[in-house]
Amino acid sequence: MYELFETLRRSPDIEAPNLFASDASDRLVLDEAAGVLGESGSRIGSGEVVVIGDRYGALTLGAAAEFGLAGIRTHQDRLVGEQALARNAEAAGLTDRYLSLPLSEELLSGARVVLLQLPRGLAELDELADSIARYAHPDVVVFGGGRIKHLTHAMNDTLAVHFSEVNASLARQKSRVIVARGARRPVDALPYPKREHNAELGLTVAAHGGVFAGVGLDIGTRFVLEFLDRAVGEVTAAPPTERSLTAIDLGCGTGIIAAVLARRFPSLTVIASDQSAAACSSAGETMASNRLAGVRVVRDAGLALQPDASADLIVCNPPFHVGSSVHTGVALGLFRDAGRVLRPGGVLLTVFNSSLAYQPDLRRLVGPTRVWGQNTKFSVTASTRSATRSAGN
């Protein structure tokens, strides 16, 4: 198993010397579950093991290789995680051992063992725990691992709402596993996505547990919303065309920006794009709650599915970290995609923490960049795709 871990890669996610495809918590989860899984899978049947939150395939492929398991069902929120698992499985000759599924009854029905990388957010953990207790076998055992610096007592408390027995393993290599048994089968309706009407926006926002800011309006998004009218005005002031103008909410989260665009500017073709399955489901529910049927929600790694020179406006509130590591690679990849997907004269409207000073990168990857707004924390910039710039350069 450990030899397999050495071969794992993060690609197509960011590769860097300080970023890894597995860590000690993956190993500890598999070691703690070994007594239940048994040698060569003798105690657990095909289709009875579910893996959730596997970052790049270490848990799924480790379980398949070490215990001879087949029929493993997996759920990864991030699309690049799914893609990395597929690449790693192909390299290891294990593509036939697992099936990727949404967080659903299909994923968890009959599961006796769940291997889990614990999420950082309690709402996300609550939704996962509710789903496991709701759909898995009553005797299911959950092995949830993480780095000690990211674990809190509140995680035990959250699991204890859904399971009668919650215990923590001994620490090893700065990692620990929380083991949960005795599922408390819910009898009430699904608690997620949450929905809340935002009077400031005049919109109902829907959110699954794993989405940033939940049903709230984060301060970066609130700030960039102030500049939507100006951005749309710039792209509509270009020479008239018979085609519909297209706007993309890149990294859409709950879809607030896309919903505001669609409501204020009904003539726009609006796309909400995110690589997170929870975000896309939330955005879809937000659109349905506000009867904005014309907004297309796309699960995509960046803008990989969008054609060159196909959008007039892209609005982006980029992340500044990869997992728990501060890293600008994700944001730079989004800027590069925007430079390719914008039509000449199109605008990328970006909000970011002012300390990150992305302006040189935006000029290089998109085009001339102006600061439209700054407050004590955030900057909003508008970058215009030059007519002489080659897409993707």
Protein backbone atom coordinates (compact mmCIF):
# COMPACT_ATOMS: atom_id res chain seq x y z
CA MET A 1 0.00 0.00 0.00
CA TYR A 2 2.73 2.43 0.98
CA GLU A 3 4.53 1.71 -2.31
CA LEU A 4 1.30 2.63 -4.11
CA PHE A 5 1.09 5.90 -2.21
CA GLU A 6 4.51 6.89 -3.51
CA THR A 7 3.22 6.64 -7.09
CA LEU A 8 0.15 8.84 -6.58
CA ARG A 9 0.02 12.21 -8.30
CA ARG A 10 -2.21 15.26 -7.82
CA SER A 11 -2.52 16.01 -11.54
CA PRO A 12 -4.59 17.63 -13.02
CA ASP A 13 -4.58 19.60 -9.77
CA ILE A 14 -1.58 21.75 -8.90
CA GLU A 15 1.72 19.93 -8.43
CA ALA A 16 4.30 21.64 -6.21
CA PRO A 17 7.13 20.55 -3.89
CA ASN A 18 5.08 21.41 -0.80
CA LEU A 19 1.84 19.77 -2.02
CA PHE A 20 1.30 16.03 -1.74
CA ALA A 21 -1.15 13.46 -3.07
CA SER A 22 -1.40 11.63 0.28
CA ASP A 23 -0.41 12.09 3.89
CA ALA A 24 -0.19 10.20 7.18
CA SER A 25 -3.92 10.53 7.80
CA ASP A 26 -4.67 8.39 4.72
CA ARG A 27 -2.40 5.65 6.05
CA LEU A 28 -3.88 5.86 9.52
CA VAL A 29 -7.47 5.59 8.26
CA LEU A 30 -6.62 2.39 6.37
CA ASP A 31 -4.69 0.96 9.30
CA GLU A 32 -7.50 1.69 11.76
CA ALA A 33 -10.05 0.12 9.37
CA ALA A 34 -7.93 -2.97 8.67
CA GLY A 35 -9.52 -5.02 11.43
CA VAL A 36 -12.99 -4.44 9.97
CA LEU A 37 -12.02 -4.75 6.33
CA GLY A 38 -10.09 -7.98 6.97
CA GLU A 39 -7.40 -9.59 4.85
CA SER A 40 -8.30 -9.76 1.15
CA GLY A 41 -11.73 -8.34 1.92
CA SER A 42 -12.88 -11.60 3.50
CA ARG A 43 -15.22 -9.86 5.98
CA ILE A 44 -16.59 -7.15 3.73
CA GLY A 45 -18.42 -7.88 0.51
CA SER A 46 -18.23 -6.12 -2.83
CA GLY A 47 -20.05 -2.80 -2.76
CA GLU A 48 -20.08 -2.50 1.02
CA VAL A 49 -17.22 0.02 1.30
CA VAL A 50 -17.72 3.72 0.59
CA VAL A 51 -14.97 6.36 0.45
CA ILE A 52 -15.84 10.04 0.91
CA GLY A 53 -13.54 13.04 0.58
CA ASP A 54 -10.63 11.08 -0.90
CA ARG A 55 -8.36 13.84 -2.15
CA TYR A 56 -6.43 12.13 -4.95
CA GLY A 57 -7.24 8.43 -4.56
CA ALA A 58 -5.11 7.28 -1.62
CA LEU A 59 -8.03 5.85 0.38
CA THR A 60 -9.88 4.31 -2.57
CA LEU A 61 -6.86 2.77 -4.25
CA GLY A 62 -5.20 1.87 -0.97
CA ALA A 63 -8.31 -0.07 0.10
CA ALA A 64 -8.52 -1.76 -3.29
CA ALA A 65 -4.86 -2.76 -3.35
CA GLU A 66 -4.33 -3.68 0.31
CA PHE A 67 -7.60 -5.54 0.96
CA GLY A 68 -8.48 -6.76 -2.53
CA LEU A 69 -11.72 -4.79 -2.49
CA ALA A 70 -13.93 -4.24 -5.53
CA GLY A 71 -17.16 -2.31 -5.97
CA ILE A 72 -15.90 0.59 -3.85
CA ARG A 73 -18.24 3.58 -4.14
CA THR A 74 -16.57 6.97 -3.87
CA HIS A 75 -17.65 10.59 -3.60
CA GLN A 76 -15.28 13.52 -4.05
CA ASP A 77 -16.61 17.04 -3.98
CA ARG A 78 -13.81 18.52 -6.11
CA LEU A 79 -13.80 17.58 -9.77
CA VAL A 80 -9.99 17.62 -9.96
CA GLY A 81 -10.00 15.02 -7.18
CA GLU A 82 -12.18 12.74 -9.31
CA GLN A 83 -9.91 13.29 -12.27
CA ALA A 84 -6.76 12.61 -10.24
CA LEU A 85 -8.28 9.41 -8.84
CA ALA A 86 -9.09 8.25 -12.37
CA ARG A 87 -5.53 8.92 -13.55
CA ASN A 88 -3.97 7.26 -10.51
CA ALA A 89 -6.29 4.25 -10.85
CA GLU A 90 -5.31 3.82 -14.49
CA ALA A 91 -1.62 3.98 -13.63
CA ALA A 92 -2.11 1.36 -10.89
CA GLY A 93 -4.33 -0.91 -12.99
CA LEU A 94 -7.26 -0.46 -10.58
CA THR A 95 -9.84 1.31 -12.73
CA ASP A 96 -12.36 -1.51 -12.33
CA ARG A 97 -12.39 -1.41 -8.52
CA TYR A 98 -14.46 1.72 -7.86
CA LEU A 99 -17.36 3.86 -9.04
CA SER A 100 -17.67 7.63 -8.51
CA LEU A 101 -21.13 8.81 -7.42
CA PRO A 102 -22.85 11.94 -6.07
CA LEU A 103 -23.58 12.25 -2.35
CA SER A 104 -26.85 10.33 -2.36
CA GLU A 105 -28.69 7.19 -1.31
CA GLU A 106 -27.12 5.40 -4.28
CA LEU A 107 -23.67 6.16 -2.88
CA LEU A 108 -24.38 4.93 0.64
CA SER A 109 -27.14 2.31 0.48
CA GLY A 110 -26.03 -0.87 2.29
CA ALA A 111 -22.57 0.47 3.13
CA ARG A 112 -20.96 -1.23 6.14
CA VAL A 113 -17.69 0.73 6.16
CA VAL A 114 -17.15 4.38 5.30
CA LEU A 115 -13.62 5.72 4.94
CA LEU A 116 -13.62 9.48 5.25
CA GLN A 117 -11.22 12.38 5.05
CA LEU A 118 -12.81 14.69 7.60
CA PRO A 119 -13.87 18.03 6.11
CA ARG A 120 -12.79 21.24 7.81
CA GLY A 121 -16.32 22.68 8.04
CA LEU A 122 -18.82 21.43 10.61
CA ALA A 123 -21.79 21.99 8.29
CA GLU A 124 -20.20 19.77 5.66
CA LEU A 125 -19.46 17.10 8.28
CA ASP A 126 -23.03 17.35 9.54
CA GLU A 127 -24.42 16.76 6.05
CA LEU A 128 -22.09 13.81 5.44
CA ALA A 129 -22.88 12.25 8.82
CA ASP A 130 -26.63 12.70 8.28
CA SER A 131 -26.39 11.04 4.86
CA ILE A 132 -24.38 8.10 6.20
CA ALA A 133 -26.74 7.53 9.13
CA ARG A 134 -29.76 7.95 6.84
CA TYR A 135 -28.77 5.61 4.01
CA ALA A 136 -25.98 3.22 5.07
CA HIS A 137 -26.39 -0.17 6.77
CA PRO A 138 -27.46 0.23 10.43
CA ASP A 139 -24.19 -1.42 11.51
CA VAL A 140 -22.01 0.95 9.46
CA VAL A 141 -18.65 1.95 10.92
CA VAL A 142 -17.14 5.30 9.92
CA PHE A 143 -13.38 5.90 10.01
CA GLY A 144 -12.77 9.64 9.63
CA GLY A 145 -9.17 10.82 9.46
CA GLY A 146 -7.41 14.15 9.50
CA ARG A 147 -4.36 16.07 10.60
CA ILE A 148 -4.53 16.91 14.30
CA LYS A 149 -4.11 20.64 13.67
CA HIS A 150 -7.37 20.61 11.70
CA LEU A 151 -9.42 18.49 14.13
CA THR A 152 -11.65 19.95 16.84
CA HIS A 153 -13.81 18.58 19.65
CA ALA A 154 -16.78 20.06 17.80
CA MET A 155 -16.28 17.40 15.12
CA ASN A 156 -16.85 14.68 17.72
CA ASP A 157 -19.94 16.53 18.89
CA THR A 158 -21.26 16.79 15.34
CA LEU A 159 -20.75 13.07 14.73
CA ALA A 160 -22.37 12.28 18.09
CA VAL A 161 -25.63 13.82 16.83
CA HIS A 162 -25.80 11.04 14.24
CA PHE A 163 -23.98 8.13 15.92
CA SER A 164 -24.27 6.67 19.41
CA GLU A 165 -20.57 5.81 19.75
CA VAL A 166 -17.78 8.19 18.76
CA ASN A 167 -14.14 7.53 19.72
CA ALA A 168 -10.78 8.91 18.67
CA SER A 169 -7.72 6.81 17.86
CA LEU A 170 -4.28 7.38 19.29
CA ALA A 171 -2.34 10.03 17.40
CA ARG A 172 0.29 9.02 14.88
CA GLN A 173 2.47 11.27 12.72
CA LYS A 174 0.34 14.28 13.67
CA SER A 175 -2.81 12.52 12.50
CA ARG A 176 -5.82 10.97 14.21
CA VAL A 177 -8.90 8.96 13.25
CA ILE A 178 -12.39 9.42 14.69
CA VAL A 179 -14.42 6.19 14.64
CA ALA A 180 -18.23 6.39 14.70
CA ARG A 181 -20.70 3.53 15.19
CA GLY A 182 -24.35 3.08 16.00
CA ALA A 183 -26.11 5.11 13.37
CA ARG A 184 -29.12 7.12 14.57
CA ARG A 185 -31.37 6.72 11.55
CA PRO A 186 -33.02 10.11 10.79
CA VAL A 187 -36.76 10.15 10.34
CA ASP A 188 -37.15 13.79 9.35
CA ALA A 189 -36.71 15.35 5.92
CA LEU A 190 -33.27 15.96 4.43
CA PRO A 191 -31.76 18.98 6.21
CA TYR A 192 -29.68 20.07 3.21
CA PRO A 193 -29.59 22.17 1.20
CA LYS A 194 -30.44 24.92 3.68
CA ARG A 195 -32.47 27.81 2.25
CA GLU A 196 -32.69 31.38 3.46
CA HIS A 197 -34.19 34.51 1.96
CA ASN A 198 -31.68 37.36 1.79
CA ALA A 199 -33.59 40.62 2.03
CA GLU A 200 -30.55 42.64 0.92
CA LEU A 201 -30.42 40.74 -2.38
CA GLY A 202 -34.09 39.93 -2.71
CA LEU A 203 -33.05 36.34 -3.37
CA THR A 204 -33.44 32.98 -1.69
CA VAL A 205 -30.02 31.36 -1.28
CA ALA A 206 -29.63 27.57 -1.08
CA ALA A 207 -26.52 25.92 0.33
CA HIS A 208 -25.21 22.44 0.98
CA GLY A 209 -22.92 21.98 3.94
CA GLY A 210 -19.67 22.10 1.98
CA VAL A 211 -20.21 25.48 0.32
CA PHE A 212 -18.27 28.54 1.45
CA ALA A 213 -20.35 31.02 3.48
CA GLY A 214 -23.40 28.74 3.50
CA VAL A 215 -26.62 30.66 2.88
CA GLY A 216 -24.91 33.92 3.81
CA LEU A 217 -23.46 36.68 1.65
CA ASP A 218 -19.69 36.79 2.13
CA ILE A 219 -18.07 40.22 2.19
CA GLY A 220 -16.01 39.69 -0.96
CA THR A 221 -19.08 38.80 -2.99
CA ARG A 222 -21.01 41.73 -1.50
CA PHE A 223 -18.22 44.08 -2.61
CA VAL A 224 -17.96 42.80 -6.18
CA LEU A 225 -21.74 42.98 -6.63
CA GLU A 226 -21.41 46.78 -6.42
CA PHE A 227 -19.57 46.75 -9.77
CA LEU A 228 -21.77 44.42 -11.84
CA ASP A 229 -23.71 47.24 -13.50
CA ARG A 230 -20.49 48.96 -14.55
CA ALA A 231 -19.02 45.72 -15.91
CA VAL A 232 -22.12 44.85 -17.91
CA GLY A 233 -22.20 48.42 -19.18
CA GLU A 234 -18.66 48.05 -20.53
CA VAL A 235 -19.34 44.87 -22.47
CA THR A 236 -22.68 46.11 -23.83
CA ALA A 237 -21.10 49.39 -24.98
CA ALA A 238 -19.06 47.49 -27.58
CA PRO A 239 -20.19 47.64 -31.24
CA PRO A 240 -23.67 46.09 -31.51
CA THR A 241 -23.99 42.41 -32.37
CA GLU A 242 -26.92 40.11 -33.02
CA ARG A 243 -25.64 37.43 -30.65
CA SER A 244 -26.62 37.23 -26.99
CA LEU A 245 -23.96 38.38 -24.53
CA THR A 246 -22.65 35.68 -22.20
CA ALA A 247 -21.64 36.14 -18.56
CA ILE A 248 -19.97 33.49 -16.39
CA ASP A 249 -19.95 33.32 -12.60
CA LEU A 250 -16.62 31.49 -12.23
CA GLY A 251 -16.31 29.60 -8.94
CA CYS A 252 -19.99 30.27 -8.38
CA GLY A 253 -20.49 28.73 -4.92
CA THR A 254 -24.18 29.12 -4.10
CA GLY A 255 -24.70 31.05 -7.34
CA ILE A 256 -25.42 34.48 -5.88
CA ILE A 257 -23.51 36.41 -8.56
CA ALA A 258 -25.11 34.39 -11.36
CA ALA A 259 -28.57 34.93 -9.86
CA VAL A 260 -28.04 38.70 -9.54
CA LEU A 261 -26.79 38.90 -13.13
CA ALA A 262 -29.75 36.92 -14.45
CA ARG A 263 -32.28 38.99 -12.53
CA ARG A 264 -30.80 42.42 -13.32
CA PHE A 265 -29.93 41.67 -16.95
CA PRO A 266 -32.46 39.17 -18.36
CA SER A 267 -31.02 39.51 -21.88
CA LEU A 268 -27.71 37.97 -20.76
CA THR A 269 -26.91 34.29 -21.18
CA VAL A 270 -25.64 33.37 -17.71
CA ILE A 271 -23.49 30.39 -16.76
CA ALA A 272 -22.64 29.42 -13.16
CA SER A 273 -19.49 27.29 -13.04
CA ASP A 274 -17.70 25.52 -10.18
CA GLN A 275 -15.68 22.35 -9.73
CA SER A 276 -17.40 21.58 -6.41
CA ALA A 277 -20.32 19.17 -6.59
CA ALA A 278 -21.84 20.78 -3.48
CA ALA A 279 -21.52 24.23 -5.03
CA CYS A 280 -23.14 23.20 -8.30
CA SER A 281 -26.02 21.50 -6.50
CA SER A 282 -26.43 24.59 -4.29
CA ALA A 283 -26.36 26.96 -7.27
CA GLY A 284 -28.94 24.85 -9.07
CA GLU A 285 -31.21 25.00 -6.02
CA THR A 286 -30.67 28.76 -5.73
CA MET A 287 -31.76 29.22 -9.35
CA ALA A 288 -34.80 26.98 -8.84
CA SER A 289 -35.77 28.81 -5.63
CA ASN A 290 -35.74 32.13 -7.53
CA ARG A 291 -37.29 30.81 -10.76
CA LEU A 292 -34.19 31.59 -12.78
CA ALA A 293 -34.49 28.66 -15.13
CA GLY A 294 -32.32 30.28 -17.79
CA VAL A 295 -29.08 30.06 -15.77
CA ARG A 296 -26.95 27.06 -16.77
CA VAL A 297 -24.99 25.44 -13.93
CA VAL A 298 -21.84 23.59 -15.01
CA ARG A 299 -19.47 21.47 -12.95
CA ASP A 300 -16.11 22.22 -14.51
CA ALA A 301 -12.45 22.39 -13.59
CA GLY A 302 -11.92 26.09 -14.19
CA LEU A 303 -13.37 26.83 -17.62
CA ALA A 304 -12.15 23.66 -19.35
CA LEU A 305 -15.56 23.02 -20.94
CA GLN A 306 -15.97 26.55 -22.31
CA PRO A 307 -14.84 27.33 -25.88
CA ASP A 308 -12.20 29.94 -26.70
CA ALA A 309 -13.46 33.52 -27.08
CA SER A 310 -17.01 32.61 -26.03
CA ALA A 311 -17.80 34.92 -23.07
CA ASP A 312 -18.21 38.67 -22.74
CA LEU A 313 -18.05 38.94 -18.94
CA ILE A 314 -16.52 36.68 -16.31
CA VAL A 315 -16.90 37.44 -12.60
CA CYS A 316 -14.55 35.67 -10.21
CA ASN A 317 -13.89 35.59 -6.46
CA PRO A 318 -10.88 33.22 -6.58
CA PRO A 319 -9.63 31.03 -3.72
CA PHE A 320 -6.19 31.80 -2.32
CA HIS A 321 -5.40 28.31 -1.01
CA VAL A 322 -5.10 24.68 -2.12
CA GLY A 323 -6.57 22.54 0.65
CA SER A 324 -4.97 23.89 3.81
CA SER A 325 -1.96 25.42 2.02
CA VAL A 326 -1.86 29.06 0.93
CA HIS A 327 -1.10 28.90 -2.78
CA THR A 328 -1.91 31.19 -5.70
CA GLY A 329 -1.92 28.42 -8.30
CA VAL A 330 -5.70 27.99 -8.37
CA ALA A 331 -6.34 31.70 -8.90
CA LEU A 332 -3.70 31.94 -11.63
CA GLY A 333 -5.27 28.98 -13.40
CA LEU A 334 -8.67 30.69 -13.31
CA PHE A 335 -7.17 33.91 -14.68
CA ARG A 336 -5.48 31.96 -17.48
CA ASP A 337 -8.78 30.26 -18.35
CA ALA A 338 -10.57 33.61 -18.35
CA GLY A 339 -8.01 35.04 -20.76
CA ARG A 340 -8.72 32.18 -23.14
CA VAL A 341 -12.51 32.18 -22.84
CA LEU A 342 -13.13 35.95 -23.03
CA ARG A 343 -13.85 37.46 -26.39
CA PRO A 344 -11.68 40.41 -27.43
CA GLY A 345 -12.98 43.36 -25.44
CA GLY A 346 -14.51 41.08 -22.83
CA VAL A 347 -14.05 41.85 -19.13
CA LEU A 348 -12.89 39.78 -16.17
CA LEU A 349 -14.22 41.30 -12.94
CA THR A 350 -12.22 39.97 -9.99
CA VAL A 351 -12.41 40.48 -6.23
CA PHE A 352 -9.52 39.40 -4.01
CA ASN A 353 -7.75 40.12 -0.77
CA SER A 354 -5.72 43.25 -1.47
CA SER A 355 -2.55 41.78 0.05
CA LEU A 356 -2.39 39.26 -2.81
CA ALA A 357 -1.70 41.99 -5.42
CA TYR A 358 -2.85 39.98 -8.43
CA GLN A 359 -2.72 42.94 -10.84
CA PRO A 360 0.55 41.95 -12.62
CA ASP A 361 -0.77 38.41 -13.13
CA LEU A 362 -4.08 39.71 -14.45
CA ARG A 363 -2.30 41.99 -16.94
CA ARG A 364 -0.14 39.11 -18.11
CA LEU A 365 -2.86 36.47 -18.34
CA VAL A 366 -5.87 38.54 -19.40
CA GLY A 367 -5.02 42.11 -20.43
CA PRO A 368 -5.07 45.75 -19.27
CA THR A 369 -6.24 45.82 -15.65
CA ARG A 370 -7.77 48.67 -13.65
CA VAL A 371 -8.62 48.88 -9.98
CA TRP A 372 -12.29 49.75 -9.72
CA GLY A 373 -12.65 49.55 -5.98
CA GLN A 374 -10.74 49.02 -2.74
CA ASN A 375 -11.76 48.86 0.88
CA THR A 376 -9.88 47.87 4.02
CA LYS A 377 -9.64 44.23 2.91
CA PHE A 378 -10.53 43.69 -0.75
CA SER A 379 -9.72 44.99 -4.21
CA VAL A 380 -11.97 44.76 -7.26
CA THR A 381 -10.27 44.87 -10.64
CA ALA A 382 -11.52 44.89 -14.22
CA SER A 383 -9.27 43.22 -16.82
CA THR A 384 -10.06 43.67 -20.51
CA ARG A 385 -9.12 41.01 -23.02
CA SER A 386 -7.03 42.70 -25.70
CA ALA A 387 -7.98 42.18 -29.33
CA THR A 388 -4.32 41.54 -30.16
CA ARG A 389 -3.76 38.97 -27.44
CA SER A 390 -3.72 35.29 -28.36
CA ALA A 391 -6.19 33.15 -26.37
CA GLY A 392 -4.51 31.11 -23.65
CA ASN A 393 -1.22 33.07 -23.68
